[in-house]
Amino acid sequence: MSACNTASGGKPGAQALSGLARAFFYAGARALLVFHWPVYSTAATKLITKAFEAMKAHPMDGRARALRRSMLALIDNTNSPQNAHPSVWAPFIVVGEGGGKLWKY
């Protein structure tokens, strides 16, 4: 399920996270991928697909690092250089349990 602006409150000065995002936490979700503003559908599909691939390939890294790997892959894709612009990848954030099971330095 996807909805834009899920990282923001419903009105100016409101607490962060939309009612939809809060509802998922109240229902037991441990982590959410939320957006700060409307996103480009094609880039969002690529970003989320790559994030799931990264989670599968690096299960100890956690959700936030998987999202980071996906963002870097999107930025570095020379076939779609417009995806390097922050307006494409920057709206996405992980809230909740985004960390890995084991920290690697």
N, C-alpha and C. Protein backbone atom coordinates (compact mmCIF):
# COMPACT_ATOMS: atom_id res chain seq x y z
N MET A 1 0.84 -1.17 0.00
CA MET A 1 0.00 0.00 0.00
C MET A 1 0.89 1.23 0.00
N SER A 2 0.49 2.25 -0.72
CA SER A 2 1.29 3.46 -0.83
C SER A 2 0.39 4.68 -0.74
N ALA A 3 0.90 5.69 -0.06
CA ALA A 3 0.20 6.98 0.03
C ALA A 3 1.24 8.06 0.21
N CYS A 4 1.08 9.19 -0.44
CA CYS A 4 2.07 10.26 -0.36
C CYS A 4 1.90 11.07 0.91
N ASN A 5 2.97 11.75 1.28
CA ASN A 5 3.00 12.64 2.44
C ASN A 5 2.71 11.93 3.75
N THR A 6 3.04 10.66 3.86
CA THR A 6 2.75 9.90 5.06
C THR A 6 3.69 10.26 6.21
N ALA A 7 4.78 10.98 5.93
CA ALA A 7 5.71 11.38 6.98
C ALA A 7 5.27 12.67 7.66
N SER A 8 4.34 13.38 7.06
CA SER A 8 3.93 14.67 7.62
C SER A 8 2.60 14.55 8.35
N GLY A 9 2.37 15.51 9.21
CA GLY A 9 1.09 15.58 9.91
C GLY A 9 0.01 16.09 8.97
N GLY A 10 -1.20 16.10 9.45
CA GLY A 10 -2.33 16.48 8.60
C GLY A 10 -2.47 17.96 8.33
N LYS A 11 -1.86 18.80 9.19
CA LYS A 11 -1.98 20.25 9.02
C LYS A 11 -0.73 20.92 9.57
N PRO A 12 -0.50 22.20 9.25
CA PRO A 12 0.69 22.88 9.76
C PRO A 12 0.73 22.83 11.30
N GLY A 13 1.91 22.53 11.84
CA GLY A 13 2.08 22.45 13.28
C GLY A 13 1.69 21.12 13.90
N ALA A 14 1.15 20.21 13.10
CA ALA A 14 0.74 18.90 13.61
C ALA A 14 1.97 18.03 13.85
N GLN A 15 1.80 17.00 14.68
CA GLN A 15 2.89 16.06 14.91
C GLN A 15 3.21 15.33 13.61
N ALA A 16 4.43 14.80 13.55
CA ALA A 16 4.85 14.07 12.35
C ALA A 16 4.04 12.79 12.18
N LEU A 17 4.01 12.28 10.99
CA LEU A 17 3.33 11.08 10.53
C LEU A 17 1.83 11.32 10.34
N SER A 18 1.35 10.88 9.21
CA SER A 18 -0.06 11.01 8.88
C SER A 18 -0.88 10.04 9.73
N GLY A 19 -2.18 10.21 9.70
CA GLY A 19 -3.07 9.30 10.40
C GLY A 19 -2.93 7.88 9.89
N LEU A 20 -2.69 7.73 8.59
CA LEU A 20 -2.51 6.40 8.01
C LEU A 20 -1.26 5.72 8.58
N ALA A 21 -0.15 6.45 8.62
CA ALA A 21 1.09 5.89 9.15
C ALA A 21 0.93 5.54 10.62
N ARG A 22 0.31 6.41 11.40
CA ARG A 22 0.09 6.12 12.82
C ARG A 22 -0.79 4.89 13.00
N ALA A 23 -1.78 4.75 12.15
CA ALA A 23 -2.68 3.59 12.25
C ALA A 23 -1.90 2.29 12.09
N PHE A 24 -0.92 2.28 11.18
CA PHE A 24 -0.11 1.08 10.99
C PHE A 24 0.72 0.78 12.25
N PHE A 25 1.26 1.81 12.87
CA PHE A 25 2.01 1.58 14.12
C PHE A 25 1.08 1.07 15.22
N TYR A 26 -0.10 1.67 15.34
CA TYR A 26 -1.05 1.21 16.35
C TYR A 26 -1.49 -0.23 16.10
N ALA A 27 -1.48 -0.63 14.83
CA ALA A 27 -1.87 -2.00 14.48
C ALA A 27 -0.73 -3.00 14.65
N GLY A 28 0.46 -2.51 15.01
CA GLY A 28 1.56 -3.42 15.29
C GLY A 28 2.74 -3.38 14.34
N ALA A 29 2.71 -2.51 13.34
CA ALA A 29 3.86 -2.42 12.43
C ALA A 29 5.09 -1.98 13.21
N ARG A 30 6.23 -2.58 12.90
CA ARG A 30 7.47 -2.21 13.58
C ARG A 30 8.24 -1.13 12.84
N ALA A 31 8.04 -1.03 11.54
CA ALA A 31 8.74 -0.04 10.72
C ALA A 31 7.88 0.30 9.52
N LEU A 32 8.03 1.54 9.07
CA LEU A 32 7.31 2.00 7.88
C LEU A 32 8.24 2.76 6.97
N LEU A 33 8.00 2.67 5.70
CA LEU A 33 8.66 3.52 4.72
C LEU A 33 7.66 4.60 4.39
N VAL A 34 7.97 5.83 4.75
CA VAL A 34 7.04 6.94 4.56
C VAL A 34 7.68 8.00 3.66
N PHE A 35 6.86 8.92 3.16
CA PHE A 35 7.32 9.93 2.21
C PHE A 35 7.02 11.32 2.74
N HIS A 36 7.93 12.26 2.48
CA HIS A 36 7.74 13.65 2.89
C HIS A 36 6.93 14.46 1.90
N TRP A 37 6.87 14.04 0.66
CA TRP A 37 6.11 14.76 -0.36
C TRP A 37 5.74 13.78 -1.47
N PRO A 38 4.87 14.17 -2.39
CA PRO A 38 4.49 13.25 -3.49
C PRO A 38 5.74 12.77 -4.23
N VAL A 39 5.71 11.51 -4.64
CA VAL A 39 6.88 10.89 -5.25
C VAL A 39 6.60 10.50 -6.70
N TYR A 40 7.68 10.31 -7.46
CA TYR A 40 7.57 9.85 -8.83
C TYR A 40 7.35 8.34 -8.81
N SER A 41 6.29 7.88 -9.43
CA SER A 41 5.92 6.46 -9.37
C SER A 41 7.00 5.53 -9.89
N THR A 42 7.60 5.87 -11.02
CA THR A 42 8.63 5.00 -11.60
C THR A 42 9.83 4.89 -10.68
N ALA A 43 10.28 6.01 -10.17
CA ALA A 43 11.43 6.00 -9.26
C ALA A 43 11.08 5.28 -7.96
N ALA A 44 9.88 5.48 -7.46
CA ALA A 44 9.45 4.82 -6.22
C ALA A 44 9.45 3.30 -6.40
N THR A 45 8.98 2.84 -7.53
CA THR A 45 8.96 1.40 -7.80
C THR A 45 10.38 0.85 -7.82
N LYS A 46 11.28 1.54 -8.51
CA LYS A 46 12.68 1.10 -8.56
C LYS A 46 13.31 1.13 -7.18
N LEU A 47 13.08 2.20 -6.45
CA LEU A 47 13.68 2.37 -5.13
C LEU A 47 13.23 1.27 -4.16
N ILE A 48 11.94 1.01 -4.12
CA ILE A 48 11.41 0.03 -3.18
C ILE A 48 11.82 -1.39 -3.59
N THR A 49 11.81 -1.68 -4.89
CA THR A 49 12.24 -3.00 -5.36
C THR A 49 13.69 -3.24 -4.99
N LYS A 50 14.55 -2.26 -5.23
CA LYS A 50 15.97 -2.39 -4.89
C LYS A 50 16.17 -2.50 -3.38
N ALA A 51 15.35 -1.81 -2.60
CA ALA A 51 15.47 -1.90 -1.14
C ALA A 51 15.16 -3.31 -0.66
N PHE A 52 14.13 -3.94 -1.22
CA PHE A 52 13.81 -5.31 -0.84
C PHE A 52 14.91 -6.27 -1.29
N GLU A 53 15.48 -6.03 -2.45
CA GLU A 53 16.59 -6.85 -2.91
C GLU A 53 17.79 -6.71 -1.97
N ALA A 54 18.05 -5.48 -1.52
CA ALA A 54 19.16 -5.24 -0.60
C ALA A 54 18.91 -5.91 0.75
N MET A 55 17.66 -5.89 1.22
CA MET A 55 17.35 -6.56 2.49
C MET A 55 17.57 -8.06 2.38
N LYS A 56 17.24 -8.62 1.22
CA LYS A 56 17.44 -10.05 1.01
C LYS A 56 18.93 -10.39 0.92
N ALA A 57 19.68 -9.56 0.20
CA ALA A 57 21.11 -9.81 0.00
C ALA A 57 21.94 -9.53 1.25
N HIS A 58 21.48 -8.60 2.09
CA HIS A 58 22.22 -8.20 3.29
C HIS A 58 21.27 -8.17 4.49
N PRO A 59 20.79 -9.32 4.95
CA PRO A 59 19.75 -9.36 5.98
C PRO A 59 20.17 -8.78 7.32
N MET A 60 21.44 -8.70 7.61
CA MET A 60 21.89 -8.16 8.89
C MET A 60 21.96 -6.63 8.89
N ASP A 61 21.86 -6.01 7.75
CA ASP A 61 22.01 -4.56 7.65
C ASP A 61 20.79 -3.77 8.12
N GLY A 62 19.62 -4.30 8.02
CA GLY A 62 18.42 -3.58 8.43
C GLY A 62 17.78 -2.79 7.32
N ARG A 63 16.61 -2.28 7.63
CA ARG A 63 15.79 -1.60 6.62
C ARG A 63 16.37 -0.27 6.17
N ALA A 64 16.86 0.52 7.11
CA ALA A 64 17.39 1.84 6.76
C ALA A 64 18.60 1.73 5.84
N ARG A 65 19.49 0.81 6.14
CA ARG A 65 20.66 0.64 5.29
C ARG A 65 20.27 0.08 3.92
N ALA A 66 19.27 -0.77 3.88
CA ALA A 66 18.78 -1.29 2.60
C ALA A 66 18.21 -0.15 1.76
N LEU A 67 17.48 0.76 2.40
CA LEU A 67 16.96 1.93 1.68
C LEU A 67 18.10 2.80 1.18
N ARG A 68 19.12 2.97 1.99
CA ARG A 68 20.28 3.76 1.58
C ARG A 68 20.96 3.13 0.37
N ARG A 69 21.16 1.82 0.40
CA ARG A 69 21.76 1.12 -0.75
C ARG A 69 20.93 1.35 -2.01
N SER A 70 19.62 1.29 -1.85
CA SER A 70 18.71 1.48 -2.97
C SER A 70 18.80 2.91 -3.51
N MET A 71 18.87 3.87 -2.61
CA MET A 71 18.99 5.28 -3.02
C MET A 71 20.29 5.50 -3.80
N LEU A 72 21.37 4.95 -3.30
CA LEU A 72 22.66 5.11 -3.99
C LEU A 72 22.64 4.46 -5.37
N ALA A 73 21.99 3.31 -5.48
CA ALA A 73 21.88 2.64 -6.79
C ALA A 73 21.06 3.51 -7.75
N LEU A 74 20.00 4.12 -7.25
CA LEU A 74 19.17 5.00 -8.08
C LEU A 74 19.96 6.22 -8.54
N ILE A 75 20.72 6.81 -7.62
CA ILE A 75 21.53 7.98 -7.94
C ILE A 75 22.61 7.65 -8.96
N ASP A 76 23.23 6.47 -8.81
CA ASP A 76 24.34 6.08 -9.69
C ASP A 76 23.92 5.52 -11.04
N ASN A 77 22.62 5.34 -11.27
CA ASN A 77 22.13 4.76 -12.52
C ASN A 77 22.32 5.76 -13.66
N THR A 78 23.29 5.50 -14.52
CA THR A 78 23.58 6.42 -15.62
C THR A 78 22.53 6.35 -16.74
N ASN A 79 21.70 5.31 -16.75
CA ASN A 79 20.63 5.22 -17.74
C ASN A 79 19.50 6.20 -17.46
N SER A 80 19.38 6.62 -16.20
CA SER A 80 18.34 7.58 -15.81
C SER A 80 18.97 8.65 -14.92
N PRO A 81 19.78 9.53 -15.49
CA PRO A 81 20.50 10.51 -14.67
C PRO A 81 19.58 11.47 -13.90
N GLN A 82 18.35 11.64 -14.34
CA GLN A 82 17.43 12.51 -13.62
C GLN A 82 17.11 11.98 -12.23
N ASN A 83 17.30 10.68 -12.02
CA ASN A 83 17.03 10.08 -10.72
C ASN A 83 18.04 10.48 -9.65
N ALA A 84 19.14 11.11 -10.06
CA ALA A 84 20.13 11.58 -9.10
C ALA A 84 19.64 12.82 -8.35
N HIS A 85 18.63 13.48 -8.88
CA HIS A 85 18.13 14.69 -8.23
C HIS A 85 17.44 14.32 -6.91
N PRO A 86 17.73 15.05 -5.84
CA PRO A 86 17.14 14.73 -4.53
C PRO A 86 15.61 14.70 -4.50
N SER A 87 14.96 15.41 -5.39
CA SER A 87 13.49 15.38 -5.39
C SER A 87 12.94 13.99 -5.69
N VAL A 88 13.78 13.14 -6.31
CA VAL A 88 13.37 11.79 -6.67
C VAL A 88 13.53 10.82 -5.51
N TRP A 89 14.65 10.87 -4.79
CA TRP A 89 14.94 9.88 -3.77
C TRP A 89 14.82 10.39 -2.33
N ALA A 90 14.92 11.68 -2.13
CA ALA A 90 14.96 12.23 -0.76
C ALA A 90 13.65 12.16 0.03
N PRO A 91 12.48 12.05 -0.58
CA PRO A 91 11.28 12.02 0.24
C PRO A 91 11.10 10.77 1.08
N PHE A 92 11.86 9.71 0.79
CA PHE A 92 11.67 8.42 1.45
C PHE A 92 12.46 8.33 2.76
N ILE A 93 11.80 7.90 3.83
CA ILE A 93 12.49 7.65 5.09
C ILE A 93 11.89 6.41 5.76
N VAL A 94 12.72 5.75 6.54
CA VAL A 94 12.26 4.62 7.35
C VAL A 94 12.04 5.15 8.77
N VAL A 95 10.88 4.88 9.34
CA VAL A 95 10.61 5.22 10.74
C VAL A 95 10.30 3.94 11.48
N GLY A 96 10.66 3.91 12.73
CA GLY A 96 10.46 2.70 13.52
C GLY A 96 11.76 1.93 13.60
N GLU A 97 11.68 0.63 13.57
CA GLU A 97 12.85 -0.23 13.69
C GLU A 97 13.54 -0.37 12.34
N GLY A 98 14.36 0.59 12.02
CA GLY A 98 15.06 0.56 10.74
C GLY A 98 16.45 -0.02 10.81
N GLY A 99 16.98 -0.17 12.04
CA GLY A 99 18.34 -0.64 12.22
C GLY A 99 18.50 -2.12 11.97
N GLY A 100 19.75 -2.51 11.78
CA GLY A 100 20.07 -3.91 11.56
C GLY A 100 20.14 -4.69 12.86
N LYS A 101 20.29 -5.98 12.71
CA LYS A 101 20.40 -6.87 13.87
C LYS A 101 21.82 -6.82 14.44
N LEU A 102 22.75 -6.41 13.62
CA LEU A 102 24.14 -6.40 14.02
C LEU A 102 24.79 -5.18 13.36
N TRP A 103 25.37 -4.31 14.15
CA TRP A 103 26.01 -3.12 13.59
C TRP A 103 27.38 -3.49 13.06
N LYS A 104 27.68 -3.05 11.85
CA LYS A 104 28.99 -3.30 11.24
C LYS A 104 29.67 -1.96 11.02
N TYR A 105 30.92 -1.85 11.41
CA TYR A 105 31.66 -0.61 11.21
C TYR A 105 32.85 -0.84 10.32
